[in-house]
Amino acid sequence: MMFSRKRGAAKHVRAADAPPTKALADSLASDGEAAAPEFGPWDAKYAPAGVQRLDLGSLQIPAIEGVEVRVQANPDGGVEQVVLVDGESALQLGVFAAPRTEPIWPEIREEIAGAMAADGVVAREVDGRYGVELLARVNTPDGPADVRFVGVDGPRWMVRALYQGAAAAEPGREGVLGDVLSGLVVVRDNEPRPVREPLPLQLPKEMAEQGQAAAQQAADGGQPG
């Protein structure tokens, strides 16, 4: 389930309407006063060194043993969806452009809850590690399923995480998927972008070339060239 992107000038809340997340609060301090956050998602300038990560451009995902990374990409290597799986739990990630000093998660959260209500689903707000989250049970072709939306506002970006399965029903069961979220690194380019526009994600060159080769082989009838 995704929130819809508005076209034109996007409305967003003022900084005074909601307390900023740690990532956003740190960005508001001067460079001389800002301290590195205790955990991520991190803006690139705070990213700890010495961590192996899958580099998707605007988003770097820590490599954690036991976590399966499923990436859906187009033929050009542009990433359209990122889902991480651990046992009975999944975590879908998205990263979007945002103002430098104003949070947008409160408004987006309200829209998600409204869309669910229109479908007859009641979402409830709970306090989590990153602030207010949304919990709900939705109907799927395979039956009822638990989902949990988490938003993290950073400097000129926002990460939206969607937990599904056990980690959604019981936040205490996030396990390594929670470690993935707290270990994310966001690399925001300097391009001016409309608020809520997805930040560009791209497969690493080697992975893109492998995908293109596999697609070509399939087009050739499965025969090696």
Protein backbone atom coordinates (compact mmCIF):
# COMPACT_ATOMS: atom_id res chain seq x y z
CA MET A 1 0.00 0.00 0.00
CA MET A 2 1.46 3.34 -1.05
CA PHE A 3 0.47 6.91 -0.39
CA SER A 4 -0.32 8.93 -3.50
CA ARG A 5 2.00 11.68 -4.65
CA LYS A 6 0.34 15.04 -5.16
CA ARG A 7 1.15 17.14 -8.18
CA GLY A 8 1.87 20.84 -7.98
CA ALA A 9 2.61 22.63 -4.75
CA ALA A 10 2.31 20.12 -1.94
CA LYS A 11 0.78 21.13 1.35
CA HIS A 12 2.77 20.13 4.39
CA VAL A 13 2.69 20.87 8.07
CA ARG A 14 4.69 23.65 9.62
CA ALA A 15 7.66 22.82 11.80
CA ALA A 16 5.71 23.97 14.87
CA ASP A 17 2.85 21.56 14.19
CA ALA A 18 4.75 18.46 15.29
CA PRO A 19 8.00 17.75 17.15
CA PRO A 20 10.81 16.94 14.70
CA THR A 21 12.38 13.51 14.62
CA LYS A 22 15.93 13.12 15.88
CA ALA A 23 17.27 13.13 12.32
CA LEU A 24 15.47 16.35 11.50
CA ALA A 25 16.32 18.02 14.81
CA ASP A 26 20.00 17.32 14.26
CA SER A 27 19.85 18.93 10.83
CA LEU A 28 18.46 22.13 12.35
CA ALA A 29 21.48 22.57 14.62
CA SER A 30 24.52 24.36 13.27
CA ASP A 31 27.32 22.16 11.99
CA GLY A 32 29.39 23.07 14.99
CA GLU A 33 26.69 22.03 17.45
CA ALA A 34 25.12 19.04 15.76
CA ALA A 35 25.97 15.68 17.29
CA ALA A 36 25.75 12.40 15.41
CA PRO A 37 22.42 10.62 16.06
CA GLU A 38 22.43 7.49 18.18
CA PHE A 39 20.80 5.48 15.39
CA GLY A 40 19.54 5.92 11.85
CA PRO A 41 18.15 6.26 9.33
CA TRP A 42 21.15 8.51 8.98
CA ASP A 43 21.75 11.41 6.68
CA ALA A 44 24.90 10.58 4.69
CA LYS A 45 27.03 13.03 6.70
CA TYR A 46 26.42 10.99 9.86
CA ALA A 47 26.81 7.50 8.37
CA PRO A 48 29.15 5.30 10.41
CA ALA A 49 32.18 4.04 8.56
CA GLY A 50 33.16 0.42 8.16
CA VAL A 51 29.65 -0.93 7.49
CA GLN A 52 28.94 -3.09 4.45
CA ARG A 53 25.88 -1.73 2.62
CA LEU A 54 23.96 -2.35 -0.58
CA ASP A 55 24.29 0.95 -2.46
CA LEU A 56 21.09 1.87 -4.30
CA GLY A 57 22.04 5.49 -4.81
CA SER A 58 19.77 7.59 -2.60
CA LEU A 59 19.40 4.71 -0.16
CA GLN A 60 22.12 2.50 1.29
CA ILE A 61 20.92 -0.65 3.04
CA PRO A 62 23.11 -2.36 5.65
CA ALA A 63 23.99 -5.96 4.86
CA ILE A 64 22.67 -8.02 7.77
CA GLU A 65 22.95 -11.79 7.90
CA GLY A 66 19.65 -13.59 7.43
CA VAL A 67 17.86 -10.70 5.73
CA GLU A 68 16.76 -11.32 2.14
CA VAL A 69 16.71 -8.21 -0.04
CA ARG A 70 14.17 -8.26 -2.86
CA VAL A 71 14.59 -5.45 -5.38
CA GLN A 72 12.22 -4.81 -8.28
CA ALA A 73 13.92 -2.86 -11.06
CA ASN A 74 13.10 -1.72 -14.57
CA PRO A 75 15.23 -2.72 -17.61
CA ASP A 76 17.41 0.37 -17.15
CA GLY A 77 18.30 -0.63 -13.60
CA GLY A 78 16.02 1.93 -11.93
CA VAL A 79 14.72 0.49 -8.66
CA GLU A 80 10.94 0.60 -8.29
CA GLN A 81 10.48 -1.36 -5.06
CA VAL A 82 12.64 -2.51 -2.16
CA VAL A 83 11.43 -5.21 0.23
CA LEU A 84 13.43 -6.96 2.92
CA VAL A 85 12.30 -10.30 4.32
CA ASP A 86 13.16 -12.11 7.53
CA GLY A 87 11.13 -15.18 8.38
CA GLU A 88 7.46 -14.20 8.78
CA SER A 89 8.18 -10.48 8.58
CA ALA A 90 8.77 -8.07 5.70
CA LEU A 91 9.86 -4.44 5.49
CA GLN A 92 9.13 -2.28 2.44
CA LEU A 93 11.19 0.89 2.11
CA GLY A 94 10.69 4.17 0.28
CA VAL A 95 12.57 7.47 0.41
CA PHE A 96 11.14 10.81 -0.72
CA ALA A 97 12.10 14.44 -1.13
CA ALA A 98 11.07 16.75 1.72
CA PRO A 99 11.73 20.28 3.03
CA ARG A 100 14.89 20.82 5.01
CA THR A 101 13.22 22.05 8.19
CA GLU A 102 9.59 20.86 8.12
CA PRO A 103 8.25 17.36 8.77
CA ILE A 104 5.85 15.80 6.26
CA TRP A 105 5.19 12.47 7.95
CA PRO A 106 2.27 13.81 10.07
CA GLU A 107 0.33 14.80 6.97
CA ILE A 108 1.20 11.63 5.09
CA ARG A 109 0.19 9.53 8.09
CA GLU A 110 -3.19 11.28 8.15
CA GLU A 111 -3.68 10.57 4.45
CA ILE A 112 -2.83 6.88 4.85
CA ALA A 113 -5.32 6.57 7.72
CA GLY A 114 -7.96 8.35 5.62
CA ALA A 115 -7.41 6.03 2.66
CA MET A 116 -7.74 3.03 4.94
CA ALA A 117 -10.93 4.40 6.49
CA ALA A 118 -12.41 4.78 3.00
CA ASP A 119 -11.81 1.04 2.56
CA GLY A 120 -13.43 0.24 5.88
CA VAL A 121 -10.14 -0.31 7.72
CA VAL A 122 -9.52 1.36 11.07
CA ALA A 123 -5.91 2.43 11.63
CA ARG A 124 -4.73 3.33 15.11
CA GLU A 125 -1.84 5.55 16.11
CA VAL A 126 0.81 4.28 18.51
CA ASP A 127 4.04 5.73 19.80
CA GLY A 128 7.16 4.05 18.47
CA ARG A 129 10.89 4.53 18.33
CA TYR A 130 10.59 7.22 15.66
CA GLY A 131 7.41 8.89 16.87
CA VAL A 132 3.80 8.20 15.92
CA GLU A 133 3.20 5.07 13.84
CA LEU A 134 0.09 3.58 12.22
CA LEU A 135 -1.13 0.06 12.90
CA ALA A 136 -3.91 -1.68 11.01
CA ARG A 137 -5.23 -5.04 9.86
CA VAL A 138 -6.04 -5.08 6.17
CA ASN A 139 -7.73 -7.58 3.91
CA THR A 140 -5.59 -9.29 1.26
CA PRO A 141 -6.25 -12.09 -1.23
CA ASP A 142 -4.61 -14.41 1.29
CA GLY A 143 -6.74 -13.17 4.19
CA PRO A 144 -6.33 -10.53 6.93
CA ALA A 145 -2.80 -9.16 7.38
CA ASP A 146 -1.20 -6.80 9.86
CA VAL A 147 0.64 -3.70 8.62
CA ARG A 148 2.55 -0.97 10.42
CA PHE A 149 3.66 2.32 8.86
CA VAL A 150 6.70 4.16 10.22
CA GLY A 151 7.88 7.56 8.99
CA VAL A 152 11.20 9.26 9.65
CA ASP A 153 11.67 12.92 8.67
CA GLY A 154 15.22 13.93 7.87
CA PRO A 155 16.92 16.95 6.26
CA ARG A 156 15.33 17.22 2.79
CA TRP A 157 14.20 13.59 2.86
CA MET A 158 11.67 11.29 4.47
CA VAL A 159 11.90 7.53 4.84
CA ARG A 160 8.64 5.62 4.84
CA ALA A 161 8.82 2.06 6.15
CA LEU A 162 6.02 -0.48 5.95
CA TYR A 163 6.28 -3.52 8.21
CA GLN A 164 4.18 -6.55 7.34
CA GLY A 165 3.61 -9.83 9.10
CA ALA A 166 4.89 -10.62 12.59
CA ALA A 167 6.91 -7.39 12.88
CA ALA A 168 3.74 -5.40 12.17
CA ALA A 169 1.54 -7.27 14.63
CA GLU A 170 4.13 -7.10 17.40
CA PRO A 171 6.71 -4.28 17.15
CA GLY A 172 8.90 -6.19 19.58
CA ARG A 173 9.39 -8.82 16.87
CA GLU A 174 11.09 -6.46 14.40
CA GLY A 175 14.36 -8.23 15.05
CA VAL A 176 16.95 -7.71 12.33
CA LEU A 177 14.49 -5.75 10.18
CA GLY A 178 14.50 -3.10 12.88
CA ASP A 179 18.29 -3.13 12.65
CA VAL A 180 18.02 -2.56 8.91
CA LEU A 181 15.80 0.49 9.40
CA SER A 182 18.04 1.97 12.09
CA GLY A 183 21.08 1.33 9.90
CA LEU A 184 19.80 2.94 6.69
CA VAL A 185 21.78 5.76 5.11
CA VAL A 186 20.03 8.38 2.96
CA VAL A 187 22.13 10.13 0.32
CA ARG A 188 20.17 13.21 -0.73
CA ASP A 189 21.42 14.80 -3.94
CA ASN A 190 21.51 18.55 -4.44
CA GLU A 191 18.80 18.58 -7.08
CA PRO A 192 15.70 20.66 -6.20
CA ARG A 193 12.80 18.22 -6.16
CA PRO A 194 9.07 18.55 -5.46
CA VAL A 195 8.06 17.53 -1.94
CA ARG A 196 7.20 13.78 -1.89
CA GLU A 197 8.94 12.97 -5.15
CA PRO A 198 10.66 9.58 -4.79
CA LEU A 199 14.41 9.97 -4.59
CA PRO A 200 16.20 8.10 -7.40
CA LEU A 201 17.20 4.52 -6.64
CA GLN A 202 19.45 2.55 -8.97
CA LEU A 203 20.88 -0.95 -8.94
CA PRO A 204 24.65 -1.18 -8.58
CA LYS A 205 26.28 -1.49 -12.02
CA GLU A 206 27.19 -5.14 -11.57
CA MET A 207 23.66 -6.13 -10.54
CA ALA A 208 22.11 -4.14 -13.39
CA GLU A 209 24.39 -5.85 -15.91
CA GLN A 210 23.52 -9.29 -14.51
CA GLY A 211 19.82 -8.50 -14.80
CA GLN A 212 20.20 -7.30 -18.37
CA ALA A 213 22.14 -10.43 -19.29
CA ALA A 214 19.48 -12.66 -17.74
CA ALA A 215 16.72 -10.80 -19.56
CA GLN A 216 18.59 -11.11 -22.87
CA GLN A 217 19.13 -14.82 -22.33
CA ALA A 218 15.42 -15.28 -21.63
CA ALA A 219 14.57 -13.34 -24.80
CA ASP A 220 16.92 -15.61 -26.75
CA GLY A 221 15.05 -18.67 -25.55
CA GLY A 222 17.29 -19.52 -22.66
CA GLN A 223 20.30 -20.30 -24.89
CA PRO A 224 23.64 -18.81 -23.85
CA GLY A 225 25.08 -16.40 -26.38
